[in-house]
All heavy atoms as atom14 arrays in JSON, in Angstrom:
{
  "sequence": "DMRPGRFWSHWDRDTRRFTLQLFFRNPTRATMGGAATGANAIPAGSQ",
  "atom14_mask": [
    [1, 1, 1, 1, 1, 1, 1, 1, 0, 0, 0, 0, 0, 0],
    [1, 1, 1, 1, 1, 1, 1, 1, 0, 0, 0, 0, 0, 0],
    [1, 1, 1, 1, 1, 1, 1, 1, 1, 1, 1, 0, 0, 0],
    [1, 1, 1, 1, 1, 1, 1, 0, 0, 0, 0, 0, 0, 0],
    [1, 1, 1, 1, 0, 0, 0, 0, 0, 0, 0, 0, 0, 0],
    [1, 1, 1, 1, 1, 1, 1, 1, 1, 1, 1, 0, 0, 0],
    [1, 1, 1, 1, 1, 1, 1, 1, 1, 1, 1, 0, 0, 0],
    [1, 1, 1, 1, 1, 1, 1, 1, 1, 1, 1, 1, 1, 1],
    [1, 1, 1, 1, 1, 1, 0, 0, 0, 0, 0, 0, 0, 0],
    [1, 1, 1, 1, 1, 1, 1, 1, 1, 1, 0, 0, 0, 0],
    [1, 1, 1, 1, 1, 1, 1, 1, 1, 1, 1, 1, 1, 1],
    [1, 1, 1, 1, 1, 1, 1, 1, 0, 0, 0, 0, 0, 0],
    [1, 1, 1, 1, 1, 1, 1, 1, 1, 1, 1, 0, 0, 0],
    [1, 1, 1, 1, 1, 1, 1, 1, 0, 0, 0, 0, 0, 0],
    [1, 1, 1, 1, 1, 1, 1, 0, 0, 0, 0, 0, 0, 0],
    [1, 1, 1, 1, 1, 1, 1, 1, 1, 1, 1, 0, 0, 0],
    [1, 1, 1, 1, 1, 1, 1, 1, 1, 1, 1, 0, 0, 0],
    [1, 1, 1, 1, 1, 1, 1, 1, 1, 1, 1, 0, 0, 0],
    [1, 1, 1, 1, 1, 1, 1, 0, 0, 0, 0, 0, 0, 0],
    [1, 1, 1, 1, 1, 1, 1, 1, 0, 0, 0, 0, 0, 0],
    [1, 1, 1, 1, 1, 1, 1, 1, 1, 0, 0, 0, 0, 0],
    [1, 1, 1, 1, 1, 1, 1, 1, 0, 0, 0, 0, 0, 0],
    [1, 1, 1, 1, 1, 1, 1, 1, 1, 1, 1, 0, 0, 0],
    [1, 1, 1, 1, 1, 1, 1, 1, 1, 1, 1, 0, 0, 0],
    [1, 1, 1, 1, 1, 1, 1, 1, 1, 1, 1, 0, 0, 0],
    [1, 1, 1, 1, 1, 1, 1, 1, 0, 0, 0, 0, 0, 0],
    [1, 1, 1, 1, 1, 1, 1, 0, 0, 0, 0, 0, 0, 0],
    [1, 1, 1, 1, 1, 1, 1, 0, 0, 0, 0, 0, 0, 0],
    [1, 1, 1, 1, 1, 1, 1, 1, 1, 1, 1, 0, 0, 0],
    [1, 1, 1, 1, 1, 0, 0, 0, 0, 0, 0, 0, 0, 0],
    [1, 1, 1, 1, 1, 1, 1, 0, 0, 0, 0, 0, 0, 0],
    [1, 1, 1, 1, 1, 1, 1, 1, 0, 0, 0, 0, 0, 0],
    [1, 1, 1, 1, 0, 0, 0, 0, 0, 0, 0, 0, 0, 0],
    [1, 1, 1, 1, 0, 0, 0, 0, 0, 0, 0, 0, 0, 0],
    [1, 1, 1, 1, 1, 0, 0, 0, 0, 0, 0, 0, 0, 0],
    [1, 1, 1, 1, 1, 0, 0, 0, 0, 0, 0, 0, 0, 0],
    [1, 1, 1, 1, 1, 1, 1, 0, 0, 0, 0, 0, 0, 0],
    [1, 1, 1, 1, 0, 0, 0, 0, 0, 0, 0, 0, 0, 0],
    [1, 1, 1, 1, 1, 0, 0, 0, 0, 0, 0, 0, 0, 0],
    [1, 1, 1, 1, 1, 1, 1, 1, 0, 0, 0, 0, 0, 0],
    [1, 1, 1, 1, 1, 0, 0, 0, 0, 0, 0, 0, 0, 0],
    [1, 1, 1, 1, 1, 1, 1, 1, 0, 0, 0, 0, 0, 0],
    [1, 1, 1, 1, 1, 1, 1, 0, 0, 0, 0, 0, 0, 0],
    [1, 1, 1, 1, 1, 0, 0, 0, 0, 0, 0, 0, 0, 0],
    [1, 1, 1, 1, 0, 0, 0, 0, 0, 0, 0, 0, 0, 0],
    [1, 1, 1, 1, 1, 1, 0, 0, 0, 0, 0, 0, 0, 0],
    [1, 1, 1, 1, 1, 1, 1, 1, 1, 0, 0, 0, 0, 0]
  ],
  "atom14_positions": [
    [[0.94, -1.18, 0.06], [-0.01, 0.03, 0.06], [0.83, 1.18, -0.06], [1.47, 1.5, 1.1], [-0.89, 0.04, 1.32], [-1.92, 1.05, 1.19], [-1.95, 1.87, 0.21], [-3.06, 0.99, 2.01], [0.0, 0.0, 0.0], [0.0, 0.0, 0.0], [0.0, 0.0, 0.0], [0.0, 0.0, 0.0], [0.0, 0.0, 0.0], [0.0, 0.0, 0.0]],
    [[0.93, 1.98, -1.16], [1.79, 3.08, -1.3], [1.1, 4.36, -1.04], [1.7, 5.44, -1.34], [2.43, 3.03, -2.69], [3.17, 1.8, -3.14], [4.48, 1.45, -1.98], [5.71, 2.79, -2.53], [0.0, 0.0, 0.0], [0.0, 0.0, 0.0], [0.0, 0.0, 0.0], [0.0, 0.0, 0.0], [0.0, 0.0, 0.0], [0.0, 0.0, 0.0]],
    [[-0.01, 4.36, -0.4], [-0.7, 5.61, -0.16], [-0.02, 6.44, 0.89], [0.71, 5.92, 1.72], [-2.15, 5.34, 0.27], [-3.02, 4.77, -0.91], [-4.41, 4.52, -0.36], [-4.46, 3.56, 0.62], [-5.55, 3.04, 1.35], [-6.65, 3.69, 1.15], [-5.37, 2.12, 2.33], [0.0, 0.0, 0.0], [0.0, 0.0, 0.0], [0.0, 0.0, 0.0]],
    [[-0.09, 7.74, 0.98], [0.41, 8.59, 1.96], [0.03, 8.09, 3.38], [-1.21, 7.85, 3.71], [-0.16, 10.13, 1.67], [-0.41, 9.94, 0.29], [-0.97, 8.6, 0.02], [0.0, 0.0, 0.0], [0.0, 0.0, 0.0], [0.0, 0.0, 0.0], [0.0, 0.0, 0.0], [0.0, 0.0, 0.0], [0.0, 0.0, 0.0], [0.0, 0.0, 0.0]],
    [[0.86, 8.03, 4.3], [0.64, 7.52, 5.62], [0.77, 5.96, 5.7], [0.88, 5.46, 6.88], [0.0, 0.0, 0.0], [0.0, 0.0, 0.0], [0.0, 0.0, 0.0], [0.0, 0.0, 0.0], [0.0, 0.0, 0.0], [0.0, 0.0, 0.0], [0.0, 0.0, 0.0], [0.0, 0.0, 0.0], [0.0, 0.0, 0.0], [0.0, 0.0, 0.0]],
    [[0.6, 5.27, 4.64], [0.74, 3.82, 4.66], [2.17, 3.46, 4.42], [2.64, 2.44, 5.12], [-0.2, 3.2, 3.57], [-1.63, 3.46, 3.62], [-2.39, 2.82, 4.77], [-2.37, 3.37, 6.08], [-2.56, 2.8, 7.29], [-3.08, 1.42, 7.33], [-2.52, 3.36, 8.3], [0.0, 0.0, 0.0], [0.0, 0.0, 0.0], [0.0, 0.0, 0.0]],
    [[2.88, 4.1, 3.56], [4.26, 3.78, 3.23], [4.94, 4.96, 3.52], [4.8, 6.04, 2.9], [4.46, 3.22, 1.88], [5.88, 2.89, 1.48], [6.22, 1.58, 1.69], [6.54, 3.79, 0.92], [7.64, 1.24, 1.27], [7.87, 3.51, 0.53], [8.38, 2.1, 0.81], [0.0, 0.0, 0.0], [0.0, 0.0, 0.0], [0.0, 0.0, 0.0]],
    [[6.11, 4.98, 4.36], [6.91, 6.1, 4.57], [8.25, 5.57, 5.15], [8.42, 4.51, 5.59], [6.3, 7.08, 5.51], [5.94, 6.47, 6.96], [4.82, 5.97, 7.26], [6.83, 6.26, 8.08], [4.85, 5.39, 8.69], [6.14, 5.67, 9.12], [8.09, 6.76, 8.19], [6.71, 5.36, 10.28], [8.82, 6.45, 9.53], [8.14, 5.82, 10.55]],
    [[9.28, 6.68, 4.95], [10.68, 6.26, 5.38], [11.23, 7.48, 6.06], [10.84, 8.72, 5.65], [11.54, 5.88, 4.22], [11.62, 6.78, 3.22], [0.0, 0.0, 0.0], [0.0, 0.0, 0.0], [0.0, 0.0, 0.0], [0.0, 0.0, 0.0], [0.0, 0.0, 0.0], [0.0, 0.0, 0.0], [0.0, 0.0, 0.0], [0.0, 0.0, 0.0]],
    [[12.15, 7.51, 6.91], [12.7, 8.6, 7.54], [14.15, 8.28, 7.9], [14.42, 7.22, 8.44], [11.91, 8.97, 8.94], [12.47, 10.0, 9.69], [12.56, 11.32, 9.16], [13.19, 10.04, 10.88], [13.25, 12.13, 10.09], [13.71, 11.34, 11.11], [0.0, 0.0, 0.0], [0.0, 0.0, 0.0], [0.0, 0.0, 0.0], [0.0, 0.0, 0.0]],
    [[15.04, 9.35, 7.74], [16.57, 9.22, 8.1], [16.76, 10.22, 9.07], [16.78, 11.37, 8.93], [17.38, 9.35, 6.85], [18.79, 9.46, 7.21], [19.55, 10.65, 6.73], [19.6, 8.58, 7.83], [20.88, 10.38, 7.14], [20.92, 9.19, 7.74], [19.47, 7.31, 8.35], [22.07, 8.56, 8.37], [20.64, 6.75, 8.91], [21.92, 7.33, 8.91]],
    [[17.11, 9.67, 10.35], [17.41, 10.47, 11.43], [19.0, 10.7, 11.53], [19.9, 9.76, 11.84], [16.98, 9.84, 12.84], [17.1, 10.76, 13.93], [17.83, 11.84, 13.95], [16.33, 10.62, 14.99], [0.0, 0.0, 0.0], [0.0, 0.0, 0.0], [0.0, 0.0, 0.0], [0.0, 0.0, 0.0], [0.0, 0.0, 0.0], [0.0, 0.0, 0.0]],
    [[19.56, 11.86, 11.16], [20.85, 12.11, 11.08], [21.5, 12.04, 12.48], [22.8, 11.85, 12.67], [21.24, 13.41, 10.42], [20.86, 13.46, 8.88], [21.22, 14.68, 8.3], [20.72, 14.75, 6.85], [21.41, 14.19, 6.01], [22.61, 13.64, 6.06], [20.86, 14.22, 4.65], [0.0, 0.0, 0.0], [0.0, 0.0, 0.0], [0.0, 0.0, 0.0]],
    [[20.81, 12.36, 13.52], [21.31, 12.46, 14.92], [21.63, 11.13, 15.42], [22.73, 10.88, 15.95], [20.35, 13.28, 15.87], [20.23, 14.73, 15.41], [21.28, 15.32, 14.78], [19.21, 15.29, 15.59], [0.0, 0.0, 0.0], [0.0, 0.0, 0.0], [0.0, 0.0, 0.0], [0.0, 0.0, 0.0], [0.0, 0.0, 0.0], [0.0, 0.0, 0.0]],
    [[20.75, 10.21, 15.25], [20.82, 8.91, 15.75], [21.36, 7.88, 14.69], [21.67, 6.74, 15.03], [19.52, 8.37, 16.35], [18.5, 8.31, 15.19], [19.0, 9.12, 17.46], [0.0, 0.0, 0.0], [0.0, 0.0, 0.0], [0.0, 0.0, 0.0], [0.0, 0.0, 0.0], [0.0, 0.0, 0.0], [0.0, 0.0, 0.0], [0.0, 0.0, 0.0]],
    [[21.57, 8.36, 13.52], [22.06, 7.45, 12.45], [21.06, 6.34, 12.14], [21.61, 5.15, 12.04], [23.46, 7.08, 12.63], [24.45, 8.14, 12.69], [24.58, 8.87, 11.29], [25.86, 9.68, 11.04], [25.89, 10.98, 11.39], [24.74, 11.6, 11.91], [26.98, 11.67, 11.21], [0.0, 0.0, 0.0], [0.0, 0.0, 0.0], [0.0, 0.0, 0.0]],
    [[19.76, 6.49, 12.35], [18.91, 5.48, 12.15], [17.91, 5.71, 11.05], [17.37, 6.78, 10.89], [18.11, 5.28, 13.43], [16.96, 4.18, 13.28], [16.35, 3.94, 14.79], [17.29, 3.47, 15.71], [16.96, 3.3, 16.97], [15.76, 3.55, 17.37], [17.9, 2.92, 17.87], [0.0, 0.0, 0.0], [0.0, 0.0, 0.0], [0.0, 0.0, 0.0]],
    [[17.81, 4.61, 10.1], [16.91, 4.75, 9.0], [15.61, 3.91, 9.26], [15.76, 2.68, 9.61], [17.59, 4.26, 7.74], [16.7, 4.44, 6.52], [16.52, 5.59, 5.91], [16.17, 3.38, 5.92], [15.69, 5.81, 4.86], [15.38, 3.37, 4.8], [15.15, 4.58, 4.24], [0.0, 0.0, 0.0], [0.0, 0.0, 0.0], [0.0, 0.0, 0.0]],
    [[14.53, 4.42, 9.12], [13.2, 3.82, 9.51], [12.28, 3.68, 8.24], [12.23, 4.78, 7.6], [12.44, 4.5, 10.51], [13.49, 4.68, 11.73], [11.3, 3.62, 11.04], [0.0, 0.0, 0.0], [0.0, 0.0, 0.0], [0.0, 0.0, 0.0], [0.0, 0.0, 0.0], [0.0, 0.0, 0.0], [0.0, 0.0, 0.0], [0.0, 0.0, 0.0]],
    [[11.7, 2.58, 8.05], [10.95, 2.35, 6.85], [9.65, 1.52, 7.4], [9.72, 0.5, 8.05], [11.45, 1.76, 5.73], [10.65, 1.5, 4.5], [11.47, 1.7, 3.27], [10.1, 0.22, 4.39], [0.0, 0.0, 0.0], [0.0, 0.0, 0.0], [0.0, 0.0, 0.0], [0.0, 0.0, 0.0], [0.0, 0.0, 0.0], [0.0, 0.0, 0.0]],
    [[8.49, 2.09, 7.0], [7.23, 1.3, 7.4], [6.42, 1.07, 6.13], [6.33, 1.9, 5.23], [6.33, 2.11, 8.36], [5.04, 1.54, 8.76], [4.22, 2.41, 9.6], [4.4, 2.56, 10.84], [3.09, 3.14, 8.96], [0.0, 0.0, 0.0], [0.0, 0.0, 0.0], [0.0, 0.0, 0.0], [0.0, 0.0, 0.0], [0.0, 0.0, 0.0]],
    [[5.81, -0.11, 6.09], [4.98, -0.44, 4.98], [3.85, -1.41, 5.42], [3.98, -2.01, 6.46], [5.83, -1.18, 3.81], [6.44, -2.59, 4.21], [5.42, -3.62, 4.0], [7.81, -2.78, 3.3], [0.0, 0.0, 0.0], [0.0, 0.0, 0.0], [0.0, 0.0, 0.0], [0.0, 0.0, 0.0], [0.0, 0.0, 0.0], [0.0, 0.0, 0.0]],
    [[2.76, -1.21, 4.74], [1.61, -2.12, 4.86], [1.3, -2.75, 3.65], [1.39, -2.23, 2.47], [0.35, -1.21, 5.44], [0.56, -0.76, 6.81], [0.87, 0.41, 7.13], [0.11, -1.7, 7.81], [0.95, 0.77, 8.46], [0.1, -1.25, 9.15], [0.51, 0.01, 9.49], [0.0, 0.0, 0.0], [0.0, 0.0, 0.0], [0.0, 0.0, 0.0]],
    [[0.77, -4.02, 3.68], [0.31, -4.73, 2.67], [-1.19, -4.6, 2.42], [-1.97, -4.39, 3.38], [0.42, -6.28, 2.76], [2.0, -6.52, 2.79], [2.5, -6.95, 4.02], [2.76, -6.68, 1.73], [3.96, -7.34, 4.12], [4.11, -6.95, 1.82], [4.6, -7.29, 2.93], [0.0, 0.0, 0.0], [0.0, 0.0, 0.0], [0.0, 0.0, 0.0]],
    [[-1.6, -4.47, 1.27], [-3.08, -4.27, 0.94], [-3.72, -5.52, 1.36], [-3.24, -6.68, 1.09], [-3.22, -3.95, -0.56], [-2.85, -2.59, -0.98], [-3.33, -2.17, -2.48], [-2.89, -0.8, -2.75], [-3.87, 0.14, -2.52], [-4.93, -0.02, -2.06], [-3.44, 1.33, -2.94], [0.0, 0.0, 0.0], [0.0, 0.0, 0.0], [0.0, 0.0, 0.0]],
    [[-4.92, -5.41, 1.78], [-5.81, -6.5, 2.24], [-6.43, -7.2, 1.05], [-6.87, -6.43, 0.19], [-6.9, -6.13, 3.23], [-6.44, -5.65, 4.52], [-5.5, -6.17, 4.93], [-7.24, -4.87, 5.24], [0.0, 0.0, 0.0], [0.0, 0.0, 0.0], [0.0, 0.0, 0.0], [0.0, 0.0, 0.0], [0.0, 0.0, 0.0], [0.0, 0.0, 0.0]],
    [[-6.24, -8.46, 0.79], [-6.97, -9.02, -0.34], [-8.46, -9.15, -0.21], [-9.06, -8.97, 0.91], [-6.42, -10.61, -0.11], [-6.05, -10.77, 1.3], [-5.51, -9.46, 1.7], [0.0, 0.0, 0.0], [0.0, 0.0, 0.0], [0.0, 0.0, 0.0], [0.0, 0.0, 0.0], [0.0, 0.0, 0.0], [0.0, 0.0, 0.0], [0.0, 0.0, 0.0]],
    [[-9.22, -9.13, -1.24], [-10.68, -9.21, -1.24], [-11.09, -10.48, -0.76], [-10.72, -11.52, -1.26], [-11.07, -8.98, -2.68], [-10.58, -7.72, -3.17], [-12.49, -8.8, -2.67], [0.0, 0.0, 0.0], [0.0, 0.0, 0.0], [0.0, 0.0, 0.0], [0.0, 0.0, 0.0], [0.0, 0.0, 0.0], [0.0, 0.0, 0.0], [0.0, 0.0, 0.0]],
    [[-12.06, -10.48, 0.21], [-12.48, -11.69, 0.91], [-13.67, -12.1, 0.18], [-14.63, -11.41, -0.37], [-12.79, -11.39, 2.36], [-11.59, -10.94, 3.2], [-11.74, -11.14, 4.61], [-12.17, -12.51, 5.02], [-12.22, -12.85, 6.22], [-11.84, -12.09, 7.35], [-12.6, -14.18, 6.57], [0.0, 0.0, 0.0], [0.0, 0.0, 0.0], [0.0, 0.0, 0.0]],
    [[-14.03, -13.4, 0.17], [-15.21, -13.98, -0.39], [-16.31, -13.7, 0.48], [-16.34, -13.8, 1.72], [-14.88, -15.58, -0.51], [0.0, 0.0, 0.0], [0.0, 0.0, 0.0], [0.0, 0.0, 0.0], [0.0, 0.0, 0.0], [0.0, 0.0, 0.0], [0.0, 0.0, 0.0], [0.0, 0.0, 0.0], [0.0, 0.0, 0.0], [0.0, 0.0, 0.0]],
    [[-17.55, -13.46, -0.2], [-18.72, -13.25, 0.62], [-19.46, -14.65, 0.79], [-19.09, -15.71, 0.22], [-19.69, -12.42, -0.25], [-19.89, -12.94, -1.5], [-19.07, -11.03, -0.53], [0.0, 0.0, 0.0], [0.0, 0.0, 0.0], [0.0, 0.0, 0.0], [0.0, 0.0, 0.0], [0.0, 0.0, 0.0], [0.0, 0.0, 0.0], [0.0, 0.0, 0.0]],
    [[-20.39, -14.58, 1.64], [-21.34, -15.75, 2.08], [-21.81, -16.43, 0.69], [-22.75, -15.65, 0.02], [-22.3, -15.49, 3.05], [-21.64, -15.02, 4.39], [-20.69, -16.37, 5.2], [-21.9, -17.57, 5.35], [0.0, 0.0, 0.0], [0.0, 0.0, 0.0], [0.0, 0.0, 0.0], [0.0, 0.0, 0.0], [0.0, 0.0, 0.0], [0.0, 0.0, 0.0]],
    [[-21.51, -17.59, 0.41], [-22.1, -18.18, -0.56], [-21.58, -17.78, -1.94], [-22.13, -18.2, -3.08], [0.0, 0.0, 0.0], [0.0, 0.0, 0.0], [0.0, 0.0, 0.0], [0.0, 0.0, 0.0], [0.0, 0.0, 0.0], [0.0, 0.0, 0.0], [0.0, 0.0, 0.0], [0.0, 0.0, 0.0], [0.0, 0.0, 0.0], [0.0, 0.0, 0.0]],
    [[-20.67, -16.72, -2.11], [-20.12, -16.3, -3.29], [-18.67, -16.57, -3.44], [-17.94, -17.0, -2.58], [0.0, 0.0, 0.0], [0.0, 0.0, 0.0], [0.0, 0.0, 0.0], [0.0, 0.0, 0.0], [0.0, 0.0, 0.0], [0.0, 0.0, 0.0], [0.0, 0.0, 0.0], [0.0, 0.0, 0.0], [0.0, 0.0, 0.0], [0.0, 0.0, 0.0]],
    [[-18.21, -16.27, -4.69], [-16.81, -16.54, -5.06], [-15.93, -15.31, -4.64], [-16.45, -14.17, -4.54], [-16.49, -16.96, -6.43], [0.0, 0.0, 0.0], [0.0, 0.0, 0.0], [0.0, 0.0, 0.0], [0.0, 0.0, 0.0], [0.0, 0.0, 0.0], [0.0, 0.0, 0.0], [0.0, 0.0, 0.0], [0.0, 0.0, 0.0], [0.0, 0.0, 0.0]],
    [[-14.61, -15.54, -4.27], [-13.75, -14.37, -3.92], [-13.46, -13.67, -5.26], [-13.29, -14.17, -6.26], [-12.49, -14.84, -3.3], [0.0, 0.0, 0.0], [0.0, 0.0, 0.0], [0.0, 0.0, 0.0], [0.0, 0.0, 0.0], [0.0, 0.0, 0.0], [0.0, 0.0, 0.0], [0.0, 0.0, 0.0], [0.0, 0.0, 0.0], [0.0, 0.0, 0.0]],
    [[-13.23, -12.36, -5.12], [-12.93, -11.57, -6.25], [-11.67, -10.7, -5.86], [-11.39, -10.53, -4.78], [-14.15, -10.53, -6.57], [-14.3, -9.66, -5.44], [-15.44, -11.31, -6.88], [0.0, 0.0, 0.0], [0.0, 0.0, 0.0], [0.0, 0.0, 0.0], [0.0, 0.0, 0.0], [0.0, 0.0, 0.0], [0.0, 0.0, 0.0], [0.0, 0.0, 0.0]],
    [[-11.15, -10.24, -7.04], [-9.9, -9.3, -6.74], [-8.62, -10.32, -7.03], [-8.54, -11.46, -6.94], [0.0, 0.0, 0.0], [0.0, 0.0, 0.0], [0.0, 0.0, 0.0], [0.0, 0.0, 0.0], [0.0, 0.0, 0.0], [0.0, 0.0, 0.0], [0.0, 0.0, 0.0], [0.0, 0.0, 0.0], [0.0, 0.0, 0.0], [0.0, 0.0, 0.0]],
    [[-7.47, -9.53, -7.35], [-6.25, -10.19, -7.62], [-5.63, -10.85, -6.38], [-4.94, -11.88, -6.6], [-5.22, -9.1, -8.19], [0.0, 0.0, 0.0], [0.0, 0.0, 0.0], [0.0, 0.0, 0.0], [0.0, 0.0, 0.0], [0.0, 0.0, 0.0], [0.0, 0.0, 0.0], [0.0, 0.0, 0.0], [0.0, 0.0, 0.0], [0.0, 0.0, 0.0]],
    [[-5.99, -10.34, -5.21], [-5.32, -11.05, -3.91], [-6.47, -11.83, -3.21], [-6.34, -11.94, -1.99], [-4.85, -10.06, -3.03], [-3.55, -9.32, -3.65], [-2.84, -9.88, -4.42], [-3.47, -7.94, -3.43], [0.0, 0.0, 0.0], [0.0, 0.0, 0.0], [0.0, 0.0, 0.0], [0.0, 0.0, 0.0], [0.0, 0.0, 0.0], [0.0, 0.0, 0.0]],
    [[-7.38, -12.23, -3.83], [-8.54, -12.94, -3.26], [-7.93, -14.28, -2.64], [-7.08, -14.95, -3.26], [-9.65, -13.27, -4.12], [0.0, 0.0, 0.0], [0.0, 0.0, 0.0], [0.0, 0.0, 0.0], [0.0, 0.0, 0.0], [0.0, 0.0, 0.0], [0.0, 0.0, 0.0], [0.0, 0.0, 0.0], [0.0, 0.0, 0.0], [0.0, 0.0, 0.0]],
    [[-8.63, -14.76, -1.53], [-8.26, -16.09, -0.9], [-9.01, -17.18, -1.56], [-10.18, -17.22, -1.69], [-8.56, -15.98, 0.64], [-7.92, -14.9, 1.31], [-8.24, -17.27, 1.33], [-8.3, -14.64, 2.75], [0.0, 0.0, 0.0], [0.0, 0.0, 0.0], [0.0, 0.0, 0.0], [0.0, 0.0, 0.0], [0.0, 0.0, 0.0], [0.0, 0.0, 0.0]],
    [[-8.24, -18.26, -1.88], [-8.93, -19.33, -2.57], [-9.97, -19.97, -1.84], [-9.86, -20.01, -0.58], [-7.66, -20.18, -2.96], [-6.48, -19.42, -2.92], [-6.73, -18.32, -1.81], [0.0, 0.0, 0.0], [0.0, 0.0, 0.0], [0.0, 0.0, 0.0], [0.0, 0.0, 0.0], [0.0, 0.0, 0.0], [0.0, 0.0, 0.0], [0.0, 0.0, 0.0]],
    [[-10.98, -20.41, -2.43], [-12.07, -21.01, -1.61], [-11.62, -22.29, -1.14], [-10.9, -23.14, -1.79], [-13.36, -21.34, -2.52], [0.0, 0.0, 0.0], [0.0, 0.0, 0.0], [0.0, 0.0, 0.0], [0.0, 0.0, 0.0], [0.0, 0.0, 0.0], [0.0, 0.0, 0.0], [0.0, 0.0, 0.0], [0.0, 0.0, 0.0], [0.0, 0.0, 0.0]],
    [[-12.02, -22.79, 0.08], [-11.66, -24.09, 0.7], [-10.32, -23.97, 1.48], [-9.89, -25.04, 2.15], [0.0, 0.0, 0.0], [0.0, 0.0, 0.0], [0.0, 0.0, 0.0], [0.0, 0.0, 0.0], [0.0, 0.0, 0.0], [0.0, 0.0, 0.0], [0.0, 0.0, 0.0], [0.0, 0.0, 0.0], [0.0, 0.0, 0.0], [0.0, 0.0, 0.0]],
    [[-9.53, -22.86, 1.49], [-8.35, -22.74, 2.16], [-8.51, -22.4, 3.61], [-9.54, -21.48, 3.9], [-7.32, -21.8, 1.37], [-7.94, -20.48, 1.46], [0.0, 0.0, 0.0], [0.0, 0.0, 0.0], [0.0, 0.0, 0.0], [0.0, 0.0, 0.0], [0.0, 0.0, 0.0], [0.0, 0.0, 0.0], [0.0, 0.0, 0.0], [0.0, 0.0, 0.0]],
    [[-7.69, -22.81, 4.42], [-7.79, -22.35, 5.84], [-7.16, -21.06, 6.09], [-6.3, -20.63, 5.47], [-7.03, -23.49, 6.72], [-7.68, -24.8, 6.59], [-6.94, -25.86, 7.32], [-5.94, -25.49, 8.02], [-7.41, -27.04, 7.55], [0.0, 0.0, 0.0], [0.0, 0.0, 0.0], [0.0, 0.0, 0.0], [0.0, 0.0, 0.0], [0.0, 0.0, 0.0]]
  ]
}
């Protein structure tokens, strides 16, 4: 997820520490009685 606030990095020159945070996009979940949709959908029948 590359949206602002979701993915960011910071270099602190005083402490010499580089920080990076990232979040993965949530896959589309299957509805009750329906098939999953989306590129990251969870296959049916999987735990």
